[in-house]
PDB file of N, CA and C in Angstrom:
ATOM      1  N   MET A   1      60.191   8.970 188.120  1.00  0.00           N
ATOM      2  CA  MET A   1      60.456   8.656 189.142  1.00  0.00           C
ATOM      3  C   MET A   1      61.565   9.585 190.138  1.00  0.00           C
ATOM      4  N   SER A   2      61.424  10.162 191.324  1.00  0.00           N
ATOM      5  CA  SER A   2      62.181  10.904 191.944  1.00  0.00           C
ATOM      6  C   SER A   2      63.162  10.606 192.199  1.00  0.00           C
ATOM      7  N   GLN A   3      64.502  10.981 192.372  1.00  0.00           N
ATOM      8  CA  GLN A   3      65.702  10.692 193.062  1.00  0.00           C
ATOM      9  C   GLN A   3      65.675  10.128 194.005  1.00  0.00           C
ATOM     10  N   LYS A   4      64.829  10.515 195.250  1.00  0.00           N
ATOM     11  CA  LYS A   4      64.496   9.950 196.382  1.00  0.00           C
ATOM     12  C   LYS A   4      64.006   8.528 196.193  1.00  0.00           C
ATOM     13  N   SER A   5      62.885   8.385 195.552  1.00  0.00           N
ATOM     14  CA  SER A   5      62.506   7.124 195.502  1.00  0.00           C
ATOM     15  C   SER A   5      63.523   6.088 195.229  1.00  0.00           C
ATOM     16  N   TYR A   6      64.464   6.798 194.173  1.00  0.00           N
ATOM     17  CA  TYR A   6      65.632   5.893 193.564  1.00  0.00           C
ATOM     18  C   TYR A   6      66.545   5.220 194.904  1.00  0.00           C
ATOM     19  N   ALA A   7      66.851   6.308 195.634  1.00  0.00           N
ATOM     20  CA  ALA A   7      67.789   5.900 196.765  1.00  0.00           C
ATOM     21  C   ALA A   7      66.807   5.326 197.921  1.00  0.00           C
ATOM     22  N   ASP A   8      65.462   5.110 198.051  1.00  0.00           N
ATOM     23  CA  ASP A   8      64.926   4.074 198.525  1.00  0.00           C
ATOM     24  C   ASP A   8      64.546   2.693 198.062  1.00  0.00           C
ATOM     25  N   THR A   9      64.670   2.520 196.716  1.00  0.00           N
ATOM     26  CA  THR A   9      64.491   1.265 196.176  1.00  0.00           C
ATOM     27  C   THR A   9      65.386   0.763 195.643  1.00  0.00           C
ATOM     28  N   PHE A  10      66.738   1.432 195.177  1.00  0.00           N
ATOM     29  CA  PHE A  10      67.720   1.077 194.071  1.00  0.00           C
ATOM     30  C   PHE A  10      68.747   0.178 194.933  1.00  0.00           C
ATOM     31  N   ASP A  11      68.757  -0.840 194.298  1.00  0.00           N
ATOM     32  CA  ASP A  11      69.874  -2.244 194.690  1.00  0.00           C
ATOM     33  C   ASP A  11      70.936  -2.296 194.229  1.00  0.00           C
ATOM     34  N   ALA A  12      71.975  -1.662 194.655  1.00  0.00           N
ATOM     35  CA  ALA A  12      73.112  -1.302 194.108  1.00  0.00           C
ATOM     36  C   ALA A  12      74.097  -2.700 194.045  1.00  0.00           C
ATOM     37  N   ASP A  13      73.638  -3.795 194.774  1.00  0.00           N
ATOM     38  CA  ASP A  13      74.565  -4.971 194.736  1.00  0.00           C
ATOM     39  C   ASP A  13      73.848  -5.648 193.264  1.00  0.00           C
ATOM     40  N   SER A  14      72.989  -5.574 192.884  1.00  0.00           N
ATOM     41  CA  SER A  14      72.144  -6.334 191.873  1.00  0.00           C
ATOM     42  C   SER A  14      72.393  -5.541 190.300  1.00  0.00           C
ATOM     43  N   ALA A  15      72.836  -4.246 190.601  1.00  0.00           N
ATOM     44  CA  ALA A  15      72.647  -3.584 189.487  1.00  0.00           C
ATOM     45  C   ALA A  15      73.948  -3.667 188.611  1.00  0.00           C
ATOM     46  N   GLU A  16      73.660  -3.448 187.473  1.00  0.00           N
ATOM     47  CA  GLU A  16      74.849  -3.413 186.501  1.00  0.00           C
ATOM     48  C   GLU A  16      75.687  -2.547 186.398  1.00  0.00           C
ATOM     49  N   TRP A  17      76.876  -2.382 186.546  1.00  0.00           N
ATOM     50  CA  TRP A  17      77.399  -1.380 186.627  1.00  0.00           C
ATOM     51  C   TRP A  17      78.550  -1.306 185.822  1.00  0.00           C
ATOM     52  N   LEU A  18      78.879  -0.050 184.686  1.00  0.00           N
ATOM     53  CA  LEU A  18      79.826  -0.040 183.979  1.00  0.00           C
ATOM     54  C   LEU A  18      81.126   0.831 184.093  1.00  0.00           C
ATOM     55  N   ARG A  19      81.993   0.593 183.584  1.00  0.00           N
ATOM     56  CA  ARG A  19      83.032   1.132 183.861  1.00  0.00           C
ATOM     57  C   ARG A  19      84.132   1.373 182.866  1.00  0.00           C
ATOM     58  N   ALA A  20      85.010   2.672 182.926  1.00  0.00           N
ATOM     59  CA  ALA A  20      85.831   2.481 181.557  1.00  0.00           C
ATOM     60  C   ALA A  20      87.160   1.381 181.852  1.00  0.00           C
ATOM     61  N   GLU A  21      87.592   0.774 180.909  1.00  0.00           N
ATOM     62  CA  GLU A  21      88.626  -0.252 180.821  1.00  0.00           C
ATOM     63  C   GLU A  21      90.089   0.414 181.301  1.00  0.00           C
ATOM     64  N   GLY A  22      90.709  -0.304 181.965  1.00  0.00           N
ATOM     65  CA  GLY A  22      92.289   0.322 182.251  1.00  0.00           C
ATOM     66  C   GLY A  22      92.200   1.637 182.918  1.00  0.00           C
ATOM     67  N   ALA A  23      91.347   1.978 183.305  1.00  0.00           N
ATOM     68  CA  ALA A  23      91.512   3.362 184.398  1.00  0.00           C
ATOM     69  C   ALA A  23      92.310   3.172 185.295  1.00  0.00           C
ATOM     70  N   GLY A  24      93.036   2.236 185.834  1.00  0.00           N
ATOM     71  CA  GLY A  24      93.356   2.117 187.076  1.00  0.00           C
ATOM     72  C   GLY A  24      92.651   1.152 188.272  1.00  0.00           C
ATOM     73  N   MET A  25      93.186   1.607 189.292  1.00  0.00           N
ATOM     74  CA  MET A  25      92.525   0.807 190.631  1.00  0.00           C
ATOM     75  C   MET A  25      91.242   1.324 191.018  1.00  0.00           C
ATOM     76  N   GLU A  26      91.128   2.735 190.795  1.00  0.00           N
ATOM     77  CA  GLU A  26      90.195   3.553 191.320  1.00  0.00           C
ATOM     78  C   GLU A  26      89.160   3.878 190.063  1.00  0.00           C
ATOM     79  N   HIS A  27      87.708   3.647 190.210  1.00  0.00           N
ATOM     80  CA  HIS A  27      86.840   3.781 188.801  1.00  0.00           C
ATOM     81  C   HIS A  27      85.355   4.510 189.070  1.00  0.00           C
ATOM     82  N   VAL A  28      85.024   5.426 188.249  1.00  0.00           N
ATOM     83  CA  VAL A  28      83.447   5.732 188.368  1.00  0.00           C
ATOM     84  C   VAL A  28      82.797   4.681 187.309  1.00  0.00           C
ATOM     85  N   GLU A  29      81.708   4.214 188.586  1.00  0.00           N
ATOM     86  CA  GLU A  29      80.988   3.555 188.155  1.00  0.00           C
ATOM     87  C   GLU A  29      79.488   4.030 187.736  1.00  0.00           C
ATOM     88  N   ILE A  30      78.754   3.466 186.244  1.00  0.00           N
ATOM     89  CA  ILE A  30      77.950   4.047 186.332  1.00  0.00           C
ATOM     90  C   ILE A  30      76.600   2.853 185.987  1.00  0.00           C
ATOM     91  N   SER A  31      75.508   3.160 186.361  1.00  0.00           N
ATOM     92  CA  SER A  31      74.270   1.863 186.137  1.00  0.00           C
ATOM     93  C   SER A  31      72.996   2.950 185.568  1.00  0.00           C
ATOM     94  N   ARG A  32      72.591   2.524 184.746  1.00  0.00           N
ATOM     95  CA  ARG A  32      71.558   3.190 183.923  1.00  0.00           C
ATOM     96  C   ARG A  32      70.094   2.833 184.719  1.00  0.00           C
ATOM     97  N   LEU A  33      69.341   3.951 184.819  1.00  0.00           N
ATOM     98  CA  LEU A  33      67.927   3.795 185.226  1.00  0.00           C
ATOM     99  C   LEU A  33      66.912   3.329 184.453  1.00  0.00           C
ATOM    100  N   PRO A  34      65.721   3.090 184.750  1.00  0.00           N
ATOM    101  CA  PRO A  34      64.812   2.674 183.934  1.00  0.00           C
ATOM    102  C   PRO A  34      64.323   3.948 183.243  1.00  0.00           C
ATOM    103  N   ASP A  35      64.399   4.822 183.902  1.00  0.00           N
ATOM    104  CA  ASP A  35      63.981   6.357 183.398  1.00  0.00           C
ATOM    105  C   ASP A  35      64.803   7.186 182.487  1.00  0.00           C
ATOM    106  N   GLY A  36      65.770   6.567 182.060  1.00  0.00           N
ATOM    107  CA  GLY A  36      66.621   7.362 181.409  1.00  0.00           C
ATOM    108  C   GLY A  36      67.795   7.858 182.117  1.00  0.00           C
ATOM    109  N   GLY A  37      67.757   8.110 183.850  1.00  0.00           N
ATOM    110  CA  GLY A  37      68.846   8.554 184.367  1.00  0.00           C
ATOM    111  C   GLY A  37      69.741   7.549 184.795  1.00  0.00           C
ATOM    112  N   ALA A  38      70.438   8.089 185.631  1.00  0.00           N
ATOM    113  CA  ALA A  38      72.100   7.129 185.660  1.00  0.00           C
ATOM    114  C   ALA A  38      72.329   7.306 187.376  1.00  0.00           C
ATOM    115  N   ALA A  39      72.813   6.085 187.977  1.00  0.00           N
ATOM    116  CA  ALA A  39      73.215   6.520 189.242  1.00  0.00           C
ATOM    117  C   ALA A  39      74.904   6.361 188.951  1.00  0.00           C
ATOM    118  N   MET A  40      75.489   6.740 189.739  1.00  0.00           N
ATOM    119  CA  MET A  40      76.848   6.902 189.687  1.00  0.00           C
ATOM    120  C   MET A  40      77.775   6.517 191.301  1.00  0.00           C
ATOM    121  N   ARG A  41      78.987   5.814 191.049  1.00  0.00           N
ATOM    122  CA  ARG A  41      79.739   5.887 192.580  1.00  0.00           C
ATOM    123  C   ARG A  41      80.969   5.549 191.956  1.00  0.00           C
ATOM    124  N   ASN A  42      81.771   5.619 193.129  1.00  0.00           N
ATOM    125  CA  ASN A  42      83.376   5.580 192.984  1.00  0.00           C
ATOM    126  C   ASN A  42      83.528   3.983 193.349  1.00  0.00           C
ATOM    127  N   SER A  43      83.990   3.356 192.587  1.00  0.00           N
ATOM    128  CA  SER A  43      84.563   1.640 193.229  1.00  0.00           C
ATOM    129  C   SER A  43      85.211   1.894 194.299  1.00  0.00           C
ATOM    130  N   SER A  44      85.922   2.691 194.859  1.00  0.00           N
ATOM    131  CA  SER A  44      86.677   2.654 196.305  1.00  0.00           C
ATOM    132  C   SER A  44      85.618   2.928 197.380  1.00  0.00           C
ATOM    133  N   ASP A  45      84.237   3.494 197.130  1.00  0.00           N
ATOM    134  CA  ASP A  45      83.184   3.586 198.160  1.00  0.00           C
ATOM    135  C   ASP A  45      82.187   2.902 197.489  1.00  0.00           C
ATOM    136  N   PRO A  46      81.681   2.057 197.282  1.00  0.00           N
ATOM    137  CA  PRO A  46      80.556   1.226 196.447  1.00  0.00           C
ATOM    138  C   PRO A  46      79.081   1.988 197.433  1.00  0.00           C
ATOM    139  N   GLY A  47      79.534   2.198 198.660  1.00  0.00           N
ATOM    140  CA  GLY A  47      77.906   2.150 199.526  1.00  0.00           C
ATOM    141  C   GLY A  47      77.262   3.451 199.138  1.00  0.00           C
ATOM    142  N   THR A  48      78.133   4.509 198.734  1.00  0.00           N
ATOM    143  CA  THR A  48      77.607   6.147 198.572  1.00  0.00           C
ATOM    144  C   THR A  48      77.363   6.053 196.723  1.00  0.00           C
ATOM    145  N   VAL A  49      76.020   6.106 196.728  1.00  0.00           N
ATOM    146  CA  VAL A  49      75.420   6.143 195.287  1.00  0.00           C
ATOM    147  C   VAL A  49      74.639   7.560 194.861  1.00  0.00           C
ATOM    148  N   LEU A  50      75.122   8.326 193.849  1.00  0.00           N
ATOM    149  CA  LEU A  50      74.956   9.572 193.188  1.00  0.00           C
ATOM    150  C   LEU A  50      73.931   8.923 192.398  1.00  0.00           C
ATOM    151  N   PHE A  51      72.580   9.763 192.297  1.00  0.00           N
ATOM    152  CA  PHE A  51      71.309   9.913 191.397  1.00  0.00           C
ATOM    153  C   PHE A  51      71.161  11.009 190.460  1.00  0.00           C
ATOM    154  N   PHE A  52      70.969  10.834 189.302  1.00  0.00           N
ATOM    155  CA  PHE A  52      70.886  11.758 188.448  1.00  0.00           C
ATOM    156  C   PHE A  52      69.571  11.522 187.612  1.00  0.00           C
ATOM    157  N   THR A  53      68.835  12.520 187.292  1.00  0.00           N
ATOM    158  CA  THR A  53      67.495  12.216 186.567  1.00  0.00           C
ATOM    159  C   THR A  53      67.772  12.066 185.152  1.00  0.00           C
ATOM    160  N   ARG A  54      66.982  12.073 184.229  1.00  0.00           N
ATOM    161  CA  ARG A  54      67.341  12.125 182.845  1.00  0.00           C
ATOM    162  C   ARG A  54      67.841  13.242 182.191  1.00  0.00           C
ATOM    163  N   ALA A  55      67.340  14.348 182.326  1.00  0.00           N
ATOM    164  CA  ALA A  55      67.517  15.654 181.856  1.00  0.00           C
ATOM    165  C   ALA A  55      69.083  15.934 182.593  1.00  0.00           C
ATOM    166  N   GLU A  56      69.381  15.565 183.915  1.00  0.00           N
ATOM    167  CA  GLU A  56      70.584  15.947 184.424  1.00  0.00           C
ATOM    168  C   GLU A  56      71.477  15.164 183.954  1.00  0.00           C
ATOM    169  N   TRP A  57      71.450  14.082 183.560  1.00  0.00           N
ATOM    170  CA  TRP A  57      72.395  12.936 182.866  1.00  0.00           C
ATOM    171  C   TRP A  57      72.751  13.414 181.336  1.00  0.00           C
ATOM    172  N   GLU A  58      71.208  13.977 180.658  1.00  0.00           N
ATOM    173  CA  GLU A  58      71.538  14.381 179.378  1.00  0.00           C
ATOM    174  C   GLU A  58      72.603  15.735 179.143  1.00  0.00           C
ATOM    175  N   ALA A  59      71.939  16.352 180.473  1.00  0.00           N
ATOM    176  CA  ALA A  59      72.959  17.796 180.326  1.00  0.00           C
ATOM    177  C   ALA A  59      74.563  17.463 180.386  1.00  0.00           C
ATOM    178  N   PHE A  60      74.765  16.459 181.521  1.00  0.00           N
ATOM    179  CA  PHE A  60      76.075  15.976 181.717  1.00  0.00           C
ATOM    180  C   PHE A  60      76.940  15.485 180.408  1.00  0.00           C
ATOM    181  N   THR A  61      76.090  14.497 179.974  1.00  0.00           N
ATOM    182  CA  THR A  61      76.742  14.003 178.923  1.00  0.00           C
ATOM    183  C   THR A  61      76.797  14.483 177.604  1.00  0.00           C
ATOM    184  N   GLY A  62      75.930  15.501 177.330  1.00  0.00           N
ATOM    185  CA  GLY A  62      75.976  16.896 176.180  1.00  0.00           C
ATOM    186  C   GLY A  62      77.326  17.512 176.580  1.00  0.00           C
ATOM    187  N   GLY A  63      77.492  17.830 177.995  1.00  0.00           N
ATOM    188  CA  GLY A  63      78.825  18.643 177.753  1.00  0.00           C
ATOM    189  C   GLY A  63      79.931  17.809 177.831  1.00  0.00           C
ATOM    190  N   VAL A  64      79.889  16.651 178.038  1.00  0.00           N
ATOM    191  CA  VAL A  64      81.061  16.025 177.758  1.00  0.00           C
ATOM    192  C   VAL A  64      81.420  15.867 176.301  1.00  0.00           C
ATOM    193  N   ASP A  65      80.258  15.583 175.589  1.00  0.00           N
ATOM    194  CA  ASP A  65      80.504  15.300 174.207  1.00  0.00           C
ATOM    195  C   ASP A  65      80.804  17.115 173.653  1.00  0.00           C
ATOM    196  N   ASP A  66      80.507  18.289 174.273  1.00  0.00           N
ATOM    197  CA  ASP A  66      80.848  19.366 173.560  1.00  0.00           C
ATOM    198  C   ASP A  66      82.286  19.979 174.118  1.00  0.00           C
ATOM    199  N   GLY A  67      82.873  19.090 175.050  1.00  0.00           N
ATOM    200  CA  GLY A  67      84.316  19.316 175.653  1.00  0.00           C
ATOM    201  C   GLY A  67      84.398  20.306 176.522  1.00  0.00           C
ATOM    202  N   GLU A  68      82.986  20.599 177.425  1.00  0.00           N
ATOM    203  CA  GLU A  68      83.002  21.734 178.048  1.00  0.00           C
ATOM    204  C   GLU A  68      83.786  21.144 179.624  1.00  0.00           C
ATOM    205  N   PHE A  69      84.205  20.153 179.726  1.00  0.00           N
ATOM    206  CA  PHE A  69      85.157  19.615 180.794  1.00  0.00           C
ATOM    207  C   PHE A  69      86.439  19.114 180.528  1.00  0.00           C
ATOM    208  N   ASP A  70      86.868  19.831 179.205  1.00  0.00           N
ATOM    209  CA  ASP A  70      88.237  19.293 178.762  1.00  0.00           C
ATOM    210  C   ASP A  70      89.290  20.035 179.637  1.00  0.00           C
ATOM    211  N   LEU A  71      90.313  19.322 179.903  1.00  0.00           N
ATOM    212  CA  LEU A  71      91.393  20.245 180.798  1.00  0.00           C
ATOM    213  C   LEU A  71      92.144  21.043 180.126  1.00  0.00           C
TER     214      LEU A  71
END
């Protein structure tokens, strides 16, 4: 399914959002999509949702696992 299709049909209010515990007042929240992709939003702006395909999400999480984004 394309990103646009998700944007047209995704129900953010009924989605299961996951977030890290104890991260302060503002959180990045992730919701898994049926095809293995992900939806992402900021808890301070829940109306704005970014969509990632499975390939994009796997590339991102692979980079996290490899330490690509370590400061």
